[in-house]
N, C-alpha and C. Protein backbone atom coordinates (compact mmCIF):
# COMPACT_ATOMS: atom_id res chain seq x y z
N MET A 1 -261.00 133.79 -209.49
CA MET A 1 -261.13 134.92 -208.56
C MET A 1 -260.32 134.62 -207.30
N THR A 2 -259.58 135.58 -206.87
CA THR A 2 -258.79 135.39 -205.65
C THR A 2 -259.48 136.08 -204.49
N THR A 3 -259.35 135.46 -203.36
CA THR A 3 -259.96 136.05 -202.16
C THR A 3 -258.85 136.57 -201.27
N ALA A 4 -259.08 137.71 -200.70
CA ALA A 4 -258.08 138.33 -199.81
C ALA A 4 -258.51 138.15 -198.36
N THR A 5 -257.61 137.80 -197.54
CA THR A 5 -257.88 137.65 -196.10
C THR A 5 -257.29 138.84 -195.37
N HIS A 6 -258.05 139.35 -194.45
CA HIS A 6 -257.61 140.54 -193.69
C HIS A 6 -257.26 140.12 -192.27
N ALA A 7 -256.03 140.32 -191.89
CA ALA A 7 -255.61 140.03 -190.50
C ALA A 7 -256.13 141.12 -189.59
N PRO A 8 -256.49 140.77 -188.38
CA PRO A 8 -256.96 141.78 -187.43
C PRO A 8 -255.91 142.83 -187.18
N SER A 9 -256.35 144.05 -187.20
CA SER A 9 -255.41 145.17 -187.03
C SER A 9 -254.94 145.25 -185.59
N THR A 10 -253.69 145.53 -185.41
CA THR A 10 -253.11 145.69 -184.07
C THR A 10 -252.41 147.04 -184.01
N PRO A 11 -252.47 147.70 -182.89
CA PRO A 11 -251.82 149.01 -182.78
C PRO A 11 -250.31 148.88 -182.91
N ALA A 12 -249.72 149.81 -183.61
CA ALA A 12 -248.27 149.78 -183.80
C ALA A 12 -247.53 149.94 -182.49
N HIS A 13 -248.10 150.73 -181.59
CA HIS A 13 -247.46 150.98 -180.30
C HIS A 13 -248.43 150.56 -179.20
N PRO A 14 -248.26 149.37 -178.62
CA PRO A 14 -249.19 148.91 -177.59
C PRO A 14 -249.19 149.85 -176.39
N THR A 15 -250.37 150.00 -175.77
CA THR A 15 -250.53 150.87 -174.61
C THR A 15 -250.01 150.16 -173.36
N LEU A 16 -249.23 150.87 -172.58
CA LEU A 16 -248.68 150.32 -171.34
C LEU A 16 -249.36 150.97 -170.16
N ASN A 17 -249.59 150.17 -169.14
CA ASN A 17 -250.16 150.70 -167.91
C ASN A 17 -249.02 151.19 -167.02
N ARG A 18 -248.76 152.45 -167.07
CA ARG A 18 -247.65 153.02 -166.31
C ARG A 18 -248.13 153.43 -164.92
N PRO A 19 -247.26 153.24 -163.91
CA PRO A 19 -247.65 153.66 -162.56
C PRO A 19 -247.76 155.17 -162.46
N ASN A 20 -248.59 155.62 -161.55
CA ASN A 20 -248.76 157.04 -161.33
C ASN A 20 -247.46 157.63 -160.78
N LEU A 21 -246.94 158.65 -161.46
CA LEU A 21 -245.65 159.22 -161.08
C LEU A 21 -245.70 159.86 -159.70
N VAL A 22 -246.83 160.45 -159.35
CA VAL A 22 -246.95 161.07 -158.03
C VAL A 22 -246.86 160.00 -156.94
N SER A 23 -247.53 158.87 -157.14
CA SER A 23 -247.48 157.79 -156.15
C SER A 23 -246.07 157.21 -156.04
N VAL A 24 -245.43 157.01 -157.20
CA VAL A 24 -244.07 156.47 -157.18
C VAL A 24 -243.12 157.42 -156.47
N GLY A 25 -243.23 158.71 -156.77
CA GLY A 25 -242.37 159.69 -156.12
C GLY A 25 -242.59 159.73 -154.61
N THR A 26 -243.85 159.59 -154.19
CA THR A 26 -244.14 159.60 -152.76
C THR A 26 -243.53 158.39 -152.07
N VAL A 27 -243.63 157.22 -152.70
CA VAL A 27 -243.07 156.01 -152.12
C VAL A 27 -241.55 156.11 -152.01
N VAL A 28 -240.90 156.67 -153.02
CA VAL A 28 -239.45 156.84 -152.98
C VAL A 28 -239.05 157.80 -151.86
N TRP A 29 -239.81 158.87 -151.72
CA TRP A 29 -239.52 159.84 -150.65
C TRP A 29 -239.73 159.20 -149.28
N LEU A 30 -240.78 158.40 -149.12
CA LEU A 30 -241.03 157.74 -147.84
C LEU A 30 -239.92 156.73 -147.54
N ALA A 31 -239.34 156.14 -148.58
CA ALA A 31 -238.22 155.23 -148.35
C ALA A 31 -237.03 155.97 -147.75
N SER A 32 -236.79 157.19 -148.22
CA SER A 32 -235.71 158.00 -147.63
C SER A 32 -236.04 158.38 -146.19
N GLU A 33 -237.33 158.65 -145.91
CA GLU A 33 -237.74 158.95 -144.54
C GLU A 33 -237.56 157.74 -143.64
N LEU A 34 -237.78 156.55 -144.19
CA LEU A 34 -237.57 155.33 -143.43
C LEU A 34 -236.12 155.19 -143.02
N MET A 35 -235.21 155.55 -143.91
CA MET A 35 -233.79 155.50 -143.57
C MET A 35 -233.45 156.51 -142.47
N PHE A 36 -234.11 157.66 -142.51
CA PHE A 36 -233.89 158.67 -141.48
C PHE A 36 -234.29 158.14 -140.11
N PHE A 37 -235.47 157.54 -140.03
CA PHE A 37 -235.92 157.01 -138.74
C PHE A 37 -235.10 155.79 -138.33
N ALA A 38 -234.60 155.03 -139.29
CA ALA A 38 -233.73 153.90 -138.96
C ALA A 38 -232.48 154.41 -138.25
N GLY A 39 -231.97 155.56 -138.69
CA GLY A 39 -230.82 156.16 -138.01
C GLY A 39 -231.15 156.57 -136.57
N LEU A 40 -232.38 157.08 -136.36
CA LEU A 40 -232.78 157.45 -135.01
C LEU A 40 -232.91 156.22 -134.12
N PHE A 41 -233.48 155.15 -134.67
CA PHE A 41 -233.57 153.90 -133.91
C PHE A 41 -232.17 153.40 -133.54
N ALA A 42 -231.24 153.47 -134.49
CA ALA A 42 -229.88 153.02 -134.22
C ALA A 42 -229.24 153.84 -133.11
N MET A 43 -229.46 155.15 -133.13
CA MET A 43 -228.94 156.01 -132.08
C MET A 43 -229.52 155.61 -130.73
N TYR A 44 -230.83 155.36 -130.70
CA TYR A 44 -231.50 155.01 -129.45
C TYR A 44 -230.93 153.72 -128.87
N PHE A 45 -230.79 152.68 -129.71
CA PHE A 45 -230.29 151.40 -129.23
C PHE A 45 -228.83 151.50 -128.80
N THR A 46 -228.05 152.30 -129.50
CA THR A 46 -226.63 152.45 -129.15
C THR A 46 -226.48 153.09 -127.78
N LEU A 47 -227.24 154.17 -127.55
CA LEU A 47 -227.15 154.84 -126.25
C LEU A 47 -227.68 153.95 -125.14
N ARG A 48 -228.72 153.19 -125.42
CA ARG A 48 -229.27 152.32 -124.39
C ARG A 48 -228.30 151.21 -124.02
N SER A 49 -227.55 150.71 -125.00
CA SER A 49 -226.60 149.62 -124.73
C SER A 49 -225.42 150.07 -123.90
N THR A 50 -225.13 151.37 -123.89
CA THR A 50 -223.96 151.87 -123.15
C THR A 50 -224.32 152.49 -121.81
N THR A 51 -225.61 152.74 -121.58
CA THR A 51 -226.03 153.37 -120.31
C THR A 51 -227.23 152.62 -119.77
N GLY A 52 -227.09 151.34 -119.51
CA GLY A 52 -228.21 150.51 -119.08
C GLY A 52 -228.83 150.95 -117.77
N GLY A 53 -228.00 151.27 -116.77
CA GLY A 53 -228.52 151.67 -115.47
C GLY A 53 -229.34 152.94 -115.55
N MET A 54 -228.85 153.93 -116.28
CA MET A 54 -229.59 155.18 -116.44
C MET A 54 -230.90 154.92 -117.16
N TRP A 55 -230.88 154.05 -118.16
CA TRP A 55 -232.10 153.78 -118.94
C TRP A 55 -233.20 153.22 -118.05
N ALA A 56 -232.83 152.28 -117.16
CA ALA A 56 -233.83 151.68 -116.27
C ALA A 56 -234.42 152.73 -115.33
N GLU A 57 -233.60 153.65 -114.88
CA GLU A 57 -234.08 154.68 -113.97
C GLU A 57 -234.99 155.68 -114.67
N GLU A 58 -234.61 156.09 -115.88
CA GLU A 58 -235.37 157.12 -116.58
C GLU A 58 -236.68 156.57 -117.17
N THR A 59 -236.65 155.35 -117.67
CA THR A 59 -237.88 154.80 -118.26
C THR A 59 -238.96 154.56 -117.21
N ALA A 60 -238.57 154.47 -115.95
CA ALA A 60 -239.56 154.31 -114.88
C ALA A 60 -240.45 155.54 -114.75
N LYS A 61 -240.00 156.67 -115.30
CA LYS A 61 -240.78 157.91 -115.22
C LYS A 61 -241.84 158.01 -116.33
N LEU A 62 -241.82 157.08 -117.29
CA LEU A 62 -242.77 157.12 -118.39
C LEU A 62 -244.16 156.69 -117.91
N ASN A 63 -245.17 157.33 -118.44
CA ASN A 63 -246.56 156.99 -118.11
C ASN A 63 -247.09 156.08 -119.21
N PHE A 64 -246.97 154.77 -118.99
CA PHE A 64 -247.34 153.81 -120.03
C PHE A 64 -248.83 153.88 -120.38
N PRO A 65 -249.77 153.89 -119.41
CA PRO A 65 -251.20 153.94 -119.80
C PRO A 65 -251.54 155.18 -120.64
N PHE A 66 -250.96 156.32 -120.27
CA PHE A 66 -251.23 157.55 -121.04
C PHE A 66 -250.71 157.41 -122.46
N ALA A 67 -249.49 156.88 -122.60
CA ALA A 67 -248.91 156.71 -123.94
C ALA A 67 -249.69 155.68 -124.75
N LEU A 68 -250.22 154.65 -124.09
CA LEU A 68 -251.00 153.64 -124.80
C LEU A 68 -252.28 154.24 -125.37
N VAL A 69 -252.97 155.03 -124.57
CA VAL A 69 -254.20 155.68 -125.05
C VAL A 69 -253.88 156.62 -126.21
N ASN A 70 -252.80 157.38 -126.07
CA ASN A 70 -252.41 158.30 -127.14
C ASN A 70 -252.07 157.53 -128.42
N THR A 71 -251.43 156.37 -128.26
CA THR A 71 -251.09 155.55 -129.41
C THR A 71 -252.35 155.01 -130.10
N LEU A 72 -253.33 154.57 -129.31
CA LEU A 72 -254.58 154.06 -129.89
C LEU A 72 -255.31 155.16 -130.66
N ILE A 73 -255.21 156.39 -130.17
CA ILE A 73 -255.85 157.51 -130.87
C ILE A 73 -255.20 157.71 -132.24
N LEU A 74 -253.86 157.65 -132.27
CA LEU A 74 -253.17 157.84 -133.55
C LEU A 74 -253.45 156.68 -134.50
N VAL A 75 -253.44 155.46 -133.98
CA VAL A 75 -253.71 154.30 -134.83
C VAL A 75 -255.12 154.36 -135.40
N SER A 76 -256.09 154.80 -134.59
CA SER A 76 -257.46 154.90 -135.09
C SER A 76 -257.57 155.93 -136.21
N SER A 77 -256.68 156.92 -136.21
CA SER A 77 -256.73 157.92 -137.28
C SER A 77 -256.36 157.32 -138.63
N SER A 78 -255.61 156.23 -138.63
CA SER A 78 -255.28 155.57 -139.90
C SER A 78 -256.53 154.97 -140.54
N PHE A 79 -257.44 154.46 -139.70
CA PHE A 79 -258.68 153.89 -140.23
C PHE A 79 -259.58 154.98 -140.81
N SER A 80 -259.70 156.11 -140.11
CA SER A 80 -260.52 157.20 -140.65
C SER A 80 -259.88 157.76 -141.91
N CYS A 81 -258.55 157.81 -141.95
CA CYS A 81 -257.86 158.29 -143.15
C CYS A 81 -258.15 157.38 -144.34
N GLN A 82 -258.12 156.07 -144.10
CA GLN A 82 -258.37 155.13 -145.19
C GLN A 82 -259.81 155.21 -145.68
N MET A 83 -260.74 155.47 -144.77
CA MET A 83 -262.13 155.66 -145.18
C MET A 83 -262.26 156.89 -146.08
N GLY A 84 -261.47 157.92 -145.77
CA GLY A 84 -261.45 159.09 -146.63
C GLY A 84 -260.89 158.79 -148.00
N VAL A 85 -259.90 157.89 -148.05
CA VAL A 85 -259.34 157.48 -149.34
C VAL A 85 -260.38 156.74 -150.17
N PHE A 86 -261.13 155.86 -149.54
CA PHE A 86 -262.18 155.14 -150.26
C PHE A 86 -263.19 156.11 -150.86
N ALA A 87 -263.55 157.14 -150.09
CA ALA A 87 -264.48 158.15 -150.59
C ALA A 87 -263.86 158.93 -151.74
N ALA A 88 -262.57 159.26 -151.63
CA ALA A 88 -261.90 159.99 -152.70
C ALA A 88 -261.83 159.15 -153.97
N GLU A 89 -261.58 157.86 -153.83
CA GLU A 89 -261.52 156.98 -155.00
C GLU A 89 -262.87 156.88 -155.70
N ASN A 90 -263.93 157.05 -154.92
CA ASN A 90 -265.28 157.07 -155.51
C ASN A 90 -265.70 158.48 -155.94
N LEU A 91 -264.73 159.41 -155.90
CA LEU A 91 -264.97 160.81 -156.29
C LEU A 91 -266.13 161.41 -155.50
N ARG A 92 -266.11 161.17 -154.19
CA ARG A 92 -267.13 161.71 -153.30
C ARG A 92 -266.44 162.61 -152.28
N PRO A 93 -266.30 163.90 -152.60
CA PRO A 93 -265.55 164.78 -151.71
C PRO A 93 -266.28 165.11 -150.41
N ARG A 94 -267.61 165.17 -150.44
CA ARG A 94 -268.37 165.54 -149.25
C ARG A 94 -269.52 164.57 -149.05
N ARG A 95 -270.09 164.61 -147.85
CA ARG A 95 -271.14 163.66 -147.51
C ARG A 95 -272.37 163.87 -148.38
N THR A 96 -273.04 162.76 -148.63
CA THR A 96 -274.24 162.79 -149.46
C THR A 96 -275.49 162.46 -148.67
N GLY A 97 -275.35 162.29 -147.36
CA GLY A 97 -276.50 161.98 -146.51
C GLY A 97 -276.44 162.74 -145.22
N SER A 98 -277.04 162.17 -144.19
CA SER A 98 -277.08 162.80 -142.88
C SER A 98 -275.69 162.91 -142.29
N ARG A 99 -275.51 163.88 -141.40
CA ARG A 99 -274.22 164.08 -140.77
C ARG A 99 -273.79 162.87 -139.96
N PHE A 100 -274.74 162.13 -139.41
CA PHE A 100 -274.43 160.98 -138.58
C PHE A 100 -274.53 159.67 -139.33
N ASN A 101 -274.74 159.74 -140.62
CA ASN A 101 -274.74 158.55 -141.46
C ASN A 101 -273.33 158.38 -142.02
N PHE A 102 -272.49 157.68 -141.26
CA PHE A 102 -271.07 157.61 -141.59
C PHE A 102 -270.82 156.93 -142.93
N SER A 103 -271.71 156.05 -143.33
CA SER A 103 -271.52 155.36 -144.61
C SER A 103 -271.62 156.31 -145.80
N GLN A 104 -272.23 157.47 -145.60
CA GLN A 104 -272.38 158.45 -146.66
C GLN A 104 -271.41 159.62 -146.53
N TRP A 105 -270.47 159.50 -145.60
CA TRP A 105 -269.48 160.57 -145.46
C TRP A 105 -268.58 160.62 -146.68
N GLY A 106 -268.11 161.82 -146.97
CA GLY A 106 -267.16 162.01 -148.06
C GLY A 106 -265.74 162.10 -147.54
N MET A 107 -264.84 162.37 -148.46
CA MET A 107 -263.44 162.49 -148.09
C MET A 107 -263.21 163.58 -147.06
N THR A 108 -263.90 164.70 -147.22
CA THR A 108 -263.69 165.84 -146.34
C THR A 108 -264.01 165.50 -144.89
N GLU A 109 -265.13 164.84 -144.66
CA GLU A 109 -265.52 164.51 -143.29
C GLU A 109 -264.54 163.53 -142.65
N TRP A 110 -264.13 162.51 -143.40
CA TRP A 110 -263.19 161.53 -142.85
C TRP A 110 -261.83 162.15 -142.59
N PHE A 111 -261.39 163.03 -143.48
CA PHE A 111 -260.09 163.67 -143.27
C PHE A 111 -260.14 164.68 -142.13
N LEU A 112 -261.28 165.33 -141.93
CA LEU A 112 -261.42 166.21 -140.77
C LEU A 112 -261.33 165.43 -139.48
N LEU A 113 -261.97 164.25 -139.45
CA LEU A 113 -261.87 163.40 -138.27
C LEU A 113 -260.43 162.96 -138.05
N THR A 114 -259.73 162.62 -139.11
CA THR A 114 -258.32 162.23 -139.01
C THR A 114 -257.49 163.38 -138.46
N PHE A 115 -257.77 164.58 -138.93
CA PHE A 115 -257.05 165.76 -138.44
C PHE A 115 -257.26 165.95 -136.95
N VAL A 116 -258.50 165.80 -136.49
CA VAL A 116 -258.80 165.97 -135.06
C VAL A 116 -258.07 164.92 -134.23
N LEU A 117 -258.09 163.67 -134.68
CA LEU A 117 -257.40 162.61 -133.94
C LEU A 117 -255.89 162.86 -133.91
N GLY A 118 -255.33 163.30 -135.03
CA GLY A 118 -253.91 163.61 -135.05
C GLY A 118 -253.56 164.78 -134.15
N ALA A 119 -254.44 165.79 -134.11
CA ALA A 119 -254.20 166.94 -133.24
C ALA A 119 -254.27 166.53 -131.77
N ILE A 120 -255.18 165.61 -131.43
CA ILE A 120 -255.26 165.11 -130.05
C ILE A 120 -253.97 164.38 -129.69
N PHE A 121 -253.43 163.62 -130.64
CA PHE A 121 -252.17 162.91 -130.38
C PHE A 121 -251.05 163.90 -130.09
N VAL A 122 -250.94 164.94 -130.89
CA VAL A 122 -249.89 165.94 -130.69
C VAL A 122 -250.07 166.63 -129.34
N ALA A 123 -251.31 166.95 -128.99
CA ALA A 123 -251.57 167.58 -127.68
C ALA A 123 -251.18 166.64 -126.55
N GLY A 124 -251.47 165.35 -126.73
CA GLY A 124 -251.09 164.38 -125.71
C GLY A 124 -249.58 164.26 -125.57
N GLN A 125 -248.89 164.29 -126.69
CA GLN A 125 -247.43 164.22 -126.64
C GLN A 125 -246.85 165.46 -125.97
N SER A 126 -247.44 166.61 -126.23
CA SER A 126 -246.97 167.84 -125.58
C SER A 126 -247.20 167.77 -124.08
N THR A 127 -248.34 167.19 -123.66
CA THR A 127 -248.61 167.02 -122.24
C THR A 127 -247.59 166.10 -121.60
N GLU A 128 -247.24 165.02 -122.30
CA GLU A 128 -246.24 164.10 -121.78
C GLU A 128 -244.89 164.79 -121.65
N TYR A 129 -244.53 165.61 -122.61
CA TYR A 129 -243.27 166.36 -122.52
C TYR A 129 -243.26 167.24 -121.28
N ALA A 130 -244.38 167.89 -121.00
CA ALA A 130 -244.44 168.77 -119.83
C ALA A 130 -244.28 167.97 -118.54
N LEU A 131 -244.90 166.79 -118.49
CA LEU A 131 -244.79 165.95 -117.29
C LEU A 131 -243.35 165.45 -117.11
N LEU A 132 -242.71 165.04 -118.19
CA LEU A 132 -241.34 164.54 -118.09
C LEU A 132 -240.37 165.67 -117.73
N THR A 133 -240.63 166.87 -118.23
CA THR A 133 -239.79 168.01 -117.87
C THR A 133 -239.86 168.28 -116.38
N SER A 134 -241.06 168.13 -115.81
CA SER A 134 -241.20 168.31 -114.36
C SER A 134 -240.45 167.23 -113.59
N GLU A 135 -240.19 166.09 -114.24
CA GLU A 135 -239.40 165.02 -113.64
C GLU A 135 -237.92 165.14 -113.99
N HIS A 136 -237.55 166.31 -114.54
CA HIS A 136 -236.15 166.63 -114.88
C HIS A 136 -235.62 165.74 -116.01
N VAL A 137 -236.49 165.34 -116.91
CA VAL A 137 -236.08 164.63 -118.12
C VAL A 137 -236.21 165.62 -119.27
N THR A 138 -235.09 166.17 -119.70
CA THR A 138 -235.08 167.17 -120.75
C THR A 138 -234.14 166.73 -121.88
N LEU A 139 -234.11 167.54 -122.92
CA LEU A 139 -233.30 167.19 -124.08
C LEU A 139 -231.83 167.11 -123.75
N ASN A 140 -231.34 167.97 -122.85
CA ASN A 140 -229.92 168.00 -122.53
C ASN A 140 -229.63 167.51 -121.11
N SER A 141 -230.58 166.79 -120.51
CA SER A 141 -230.36 166.31 -119.14
C SER A 141 -229.39 165.14 -119.10
N ASN A 142 -229.52 164.21 -120.02
CA ASN A 142 -228.67 163.02 -120.08
C ASN A 142 -228.88 162.34 -121.43
N PRO A 143 -228.12 161.28 -121.72
CA PRO A 143 -228.30 160.59 -123.01
C PRO A 143 -229.72 160.07 -123.24
N TYR A 144 -230.39 159.63 -122.18
CA TYR A 144 -231.76 159.15 -122.37
C TYR A 144 -232.68 160.27 -122.83
N GLY A 145 -232.57 161.42 -122.17
CA GLY A 145 -233.41 162.55 -122.56
C GLY A 145 -233.17 162.96 -124.00
N SER A 146 -231.92 162.97 -124.42
CA SER A 146 -231.60 163.33 -125.80
C SER A 146 -232.22 162.33 -126.77
N ALA A 147 -232.07 161.03 -126.47
CA ALA A 147 -232.60 160.00 -127.36
C ALA A 147 -234.13 160.05 -127.40
N PHE A 148 -234.76 160.23 -126.24
CA PHE A 148 -236.22 160.23 -126.18
C PHE A 148 -236.81 161.40 -126.97
N TYR A 149 -236.30 162.60 -126.72
CA TYR A 149 -236.88 163.77 -127.36
C TYR A 149 -236.55 163.85 -128.84
N MET A 150 -235.40 163.34 -129.24
CA MET A 150 -235.06 163.38 -130.66
C MET A 150 -235.92 162.41 -131.46
N THR A 151 -236.09 161.19 -130.94
CA THR A 151 -236.90 160.21 -131.68
C THR A 151 -238.37 160.60 -131.71
N THR A 152 -238.94 160.90 -130.55
CA THR A 152 -240.36 161.25 -130.51
C THR A 152 -240.61 162.65 -131.07
N GLY A 153 -239.64 163.55 -130.90
CA GLY A 153 -239.82 164.91 -131.40
C GLY A 153 -239.85 164.98 -132.91
N PHE A 154 -238.92 164.28 -133.56
CA PHE A 154 -238.93 164.27 -135.02
C PHE A 154 -240.20 163.61 -135.55
N HIS A 155 -240.66 162.58 -134.85
CA HIS A 155 -241.93 161.98 -135.27
C HIS A 155 -243.07 162.97 -135.10
N GLY A 156 -243.08 163.71 -134.00
CA GLY A 156 -244.12 164.71 -133.80
C GLY A 156 -244.13 165.76 -134.89
N LEU A 157 -242.95 166.16 -135.35
CA LEU A 157 -242.88 167.12 -136.46
C LEU A 157 -243.48 166.53 -137.73
N HIS A 158 -243.28 165.24 -137.95
CA HIS A 158 -243.87 164.59 -139.12
C HIS A 158 -245.39 164.53 -139.00
N VAL A 159 -245.88 164.33 -137.77
CA VAL A 159 -247.34 164.34 -137.57
C VAL A 159 -247.90 165.73 -137.88
N LEU A 160 -247.21 166.76 -137.42
CA LEU A 160 -247.66 168.13 -137.71
C LEU A 160 -247.67 168.38 -139.22
N GLY A 161 -246.66 167.88 -139.93
CA GLY A 161 -246.64 168.01 -141.38
C GLY A 161 -247.84 167.32 -142.02
N GLY A 162 -248.21 166.16 -141.49
CA GLY A 162 -249.38 165.47 -142.00
C GLY A 162 -250.66 166.24 -141.75
N LEU A 163 -250.77 166.88 -140.60
CA LEU A 163 -251.96 167.68 -140.30
C LEU A 163 -252.09 168.85 -141.28
N VAL A 164 -250.97 169.48 -141.58
CA VAL A 164 -251.00 170.57 -142.57
C VAL A 164 -251.43 170.03 -143.93
N ALA A 165 -250.93 168.85 -144.29
CA ALA A 165 -251.30 168.26 -145.58
C ALA A 165 -252.80 167.97 -145.65
N PHE A 166 -253.39 167.51 -144.56
CA PHE A 166 -254.83 167.25 -144.55
C PHE A 166 -255.62 168.55 -144.76
N LEU A 167 -255.16 169.63 -144.12
CA LEU A 167 -255.86 170.90 -144.32
C LEU A 167 -255.77 171.35 -145.77
N LEU A 168 -254.61 171.15 -146.39
CA LEU A 168 -254.46 171.54 -147.79
C LEU A 168 -255.36 170.70 -148.70
N ILE A 169 -255.45 169.40 -148.43
CA ILE A 169 -256.30 168.53 -149.25
C ILE A 169 -257.76 168.90 -149.08
N ILE A 170 -258.17 169.18 -147.85
CA ILE A 170 -259.56 169.57 -147.61
C ILE A 170 -259.86 170.90 -148.29
N GLY A 171 -258.93 171.86 -148.17
CA GLY A 171 -259.12 173.15 -148.83
C GLY A 171 -259.19 173.02 -150.33
N ARG A 172 -258.37 172.15 -150.91
CA ARG A 172 -258.40 171.93 -152.36
C ARG A 172 -259.74 171.31 -152.78
N ALA A 173 -260.29 170.44 -151.95
CA ALA A 173 -261.58 169.81 -152.28
C ALA A 173 -262.69 170.85 -152.33
N PHE A 174 -262.64 171.83 -151.44
CA PHE A 174 -263.65 172.88 -151.45
C PHE A 174 -263.42 173.87 -152.58
N ALA A 175 -262.15 174.10 -152.92
CA ALA A 175 -261.85 175.08 -153.95
C ALA A 175 -262.08 174.55 -155.36
N ALA A 176 -261.97 173.23 -155.55
CA ALA A 176 -262.10 172.66 -156.89
C ALA A 176 -263.54 172.76 -157.37
N LYS A 177 -263.71 173.19 -158.61
CA LYS A 177 -265.05 173.26 -159.19
C LYS A 177 -265.63 171.86 -159.40
N LYS A 178 -264.73 170.92 -159.72
CA LYS A 178 -265.15 169.54 -159.89
C LYS A 178 -264.08 168.64 -159.30
N PHE A 179 -264.48 167.78 -158.36
CA PHE A 179 -263.55 166.87 -157.72
C PHE A 179 -263.24 165.73 -158.68
N GLY A 180 -261.98 165.67 -159.13
CA GLY A 180 -261.61 164.66 -160.12
C GLY A 180 -260.46 163.80 -159.66
N HIS A 181 -259.82 163.14 -160.62
CA HIS A 181 -258.75 162.20 -160.30
C HIS A 181 -257.51 162.91 -159.75
N PHE A 182 -257.28 164.15 -160.15
CA PHE A 182 -256.13 164.89 -159.63
C PHE A 182 -256.28 165.09 -158.13
N GLU A 183 -257.44 165.53 -157.70
CA GLU A 183 -257.69 165.73 -156.27
C GLU A 183 -257.67 164.41 -155.51
N ALA A 184 -258.21 163.36 -156.14
CA ALA A 184 -258.22 162.04 -155.50
C ALA A 184 -256.81 161.51 -155.31
N THR A 185 -255.95 161.72 -156.31
CA THR A 185 -254.56 161.26 -156.20
C THR A 185 -253.84 161.96 -155.07
N SER A 186 -254.08 163.25 -154.91
CA SER A 186 -253.47 163.99 -153.81
C SER A 186 -253.89 163.42 -152.45
N ALA A 187 -255.16 163.05 -152.34
CA ALA A 187 -255.65 162.46 -151.10
C ALA A 187 -255.01 161.11 -150.85
N ILE A 188 -254.83 160.34 -151.89
CA ILE A 188 -254.27 158.98 -151.75
C ILE A 188 -252.81 159.04 -151.30
N VAL A 189 -252.00 159.90 -151.93
CA VAL A 189 -250.58 159.97 -151.54
C VAL A 189 -250.43 160.56 -150.13
N THR A 190 -251.35 161.43 -149.73
CA THR A 190 -251.33 161.93 -148.35
C THR A 190 -251.59 160.80 -147.37
N SER A 191 -252.46 159.87 -147.75
CA SER A 191 -252.72 158.72 -146.88
C SER A 191 -251.49 157.84 -146.77
N TYR A 192 -250.71 157.73 -147.86
CA TYR A 192 -249.46 156.97 -147.77
C TYR A 192 -248.57 157.53 -146.65
N TYR A 193 -248.43 158.84 -146.66
CA TYR A 193 -247.60 159.50 -145.66
C TYR A 193 -248.15 159.26 -144.25
N TRP A 194 -249.46 159.38 -144.10
CA TRP A 194 -250.05 159.27 -142.76
C TRP A 194 -249.91 157.83 -142.23
N HIS A 195 -250.14 156.84 -143.07
CA HIS A 195 -249.95 155.46 -142.65
C HIS A 195 -248.50 155.21 -142.26
N PHE A 196 -247.58 155.80 -143.01
CA PHE A 196 -246.16 155.66 -142.68
C PHE A 196 -245.86 156.23 -141.31
N VAL A 197 -246.39 157.42 -141.03
CA VAL A 197 -246.17 158.05 -139.74
C VAL A 197 -246.73 157.19 -138.61
N ASP A 198 -247.89 156.59 -138.82
CA ASP A 198 -248.50 155.73 -137.80
C ASP A 198 -247.66 154.48 -137.55
N VAL A 199 -247.18 153.87 -138.62
CA VAL A 199 -246.37 152.66 -138.46
C VAL A 199 -245.07 152.97 -137.72
N VAL A 200 -244.46 154.10 -138.04
CA VAL A 200 -243.22 154.49 -137.35
C VAL A 200 -243.49 154.68 -135.86
N TRP A 201 -244.64 155.29 -135.52
CA TRP A 201 -244.94 155.50 -134.11
C TRP A 201 -245.16 154.18 -133.38
N ILE A 202 -245.78 153.21 -134.03
CA ILE A 202 -245.96 151.91 -133.40
C ILE A 202 -244.59 151.32 -133.05
N GLY A 203 -243.64 151.45 -133.97
CA GLY A 203 -242.28 150.99 -133.68
C GLY A 203 -241.66 151.74 -132.52
N LEU A 204 -241.82 153.05 -132.49
CA LEU A 204 -241.28 153.85 -131.39
C LEU A 204 -241.94 153.48 -130.07
N PHE A 205 -243.24 153.28 -130.10
CA PHE A 205 -243.96 152.94 -128.87
C PHE A 205 -243.46 151.61 -128.30
N LEU A 206 -243.28 150.64 -129.16
CA LEU A 206 -242.81 149.33 -128.70
C LEU A 206 -241.40 149.43 -128.13
N VAL A 207 -240.54 150.20 -128.79
CA VAL A 207 -239.15 150.30 -128.35
C VAL A 207 -239.03 151.12 -127.07
N ILE A 208 -239.74 152.24 -126.99
CA ILE A 208 -239.56 153.18 -125.87
C ILE A 208 -240.39 152.78 -124.66
N TYR A 209 -241.64 152.39 -124.88
CA TYR A 209 -242.56 152.18 -123.76
C TYR A 209 -242.73 150.71 -123.36
N VAL A 210 -242.54 149.80 -124.30
CA VAL A 210 -242.75 148.38 -124.00
C VAL A 210 -241.43 147.69 -123.68
N LEU A 211 -240.43 147.85 -124.55
CA LEU A 211 -239.12 147.22 -124.34
C LEU A 211 -238.23 148.15 -123.54
N LYS A 212 -238.63 148.45 -122.32
CA LYS A 212 -237.87 149.41 -121.53
C LYS A 212 -236.48 148.89 -121.17
C-alpha cells in the first residue's frame, strides 16, 4: 500500500498589502506644494540679500508677540486635528459621552475645534495685515512688502482651503448613514494637508519674524 503526502496548499497569487491610493496621491500633491513654497522662500531670501537696509527698517514694524500668539494658535490646531484623526480611525464620528469629556469626543468635535483655531489664525493674520497697511507696508510699496504678502498670503489661502476641507469632512460625517473607512480615509488625508500647512507656517514664522 502506498501512502500519499499532501503538501500544504498555497495561494497561486499571494496577497499584497498595497498602500492606499488616496493617501499616496495626497502625499505626491503635497510634495508639489512643498516645491511651490520652496520657490517663495527662495524669492524671499533673494530679495532680502539685495535690499538689506530696507529689510531691517521694514521688519522693525512687525509685531512679534502678536505673531507668536497667532502661531501658537495654529500649532495647537494640529494637535486637535490629530485627535480627530484618532477618533476617525476608531470609527467614532461623534462624541459618546459628555460634551466636556474630551476623551469621548469624536472626529466631528475635534475637527470643529480645529476649524475654530484655524479661523482665529486667519482673523489674526488679517488684523496684522491691517496694522502693517497703516504703517505703509503694502503689496506694492517695496520689495519687502511684496515678499511678505506673497509668502504669508499664499499660506493664508492654503489655510482657508483647509478650513473648507474640514467643513466638507464634518458635513460628510453627518450625511453618511454609517461612518466607515471611506469617511475615515478622507479625514486622515485632510490631516496630512493641515499638518503640512502648519509646518510651512513654522518655517515662515522663523524666517520672517525670528531671523529678521
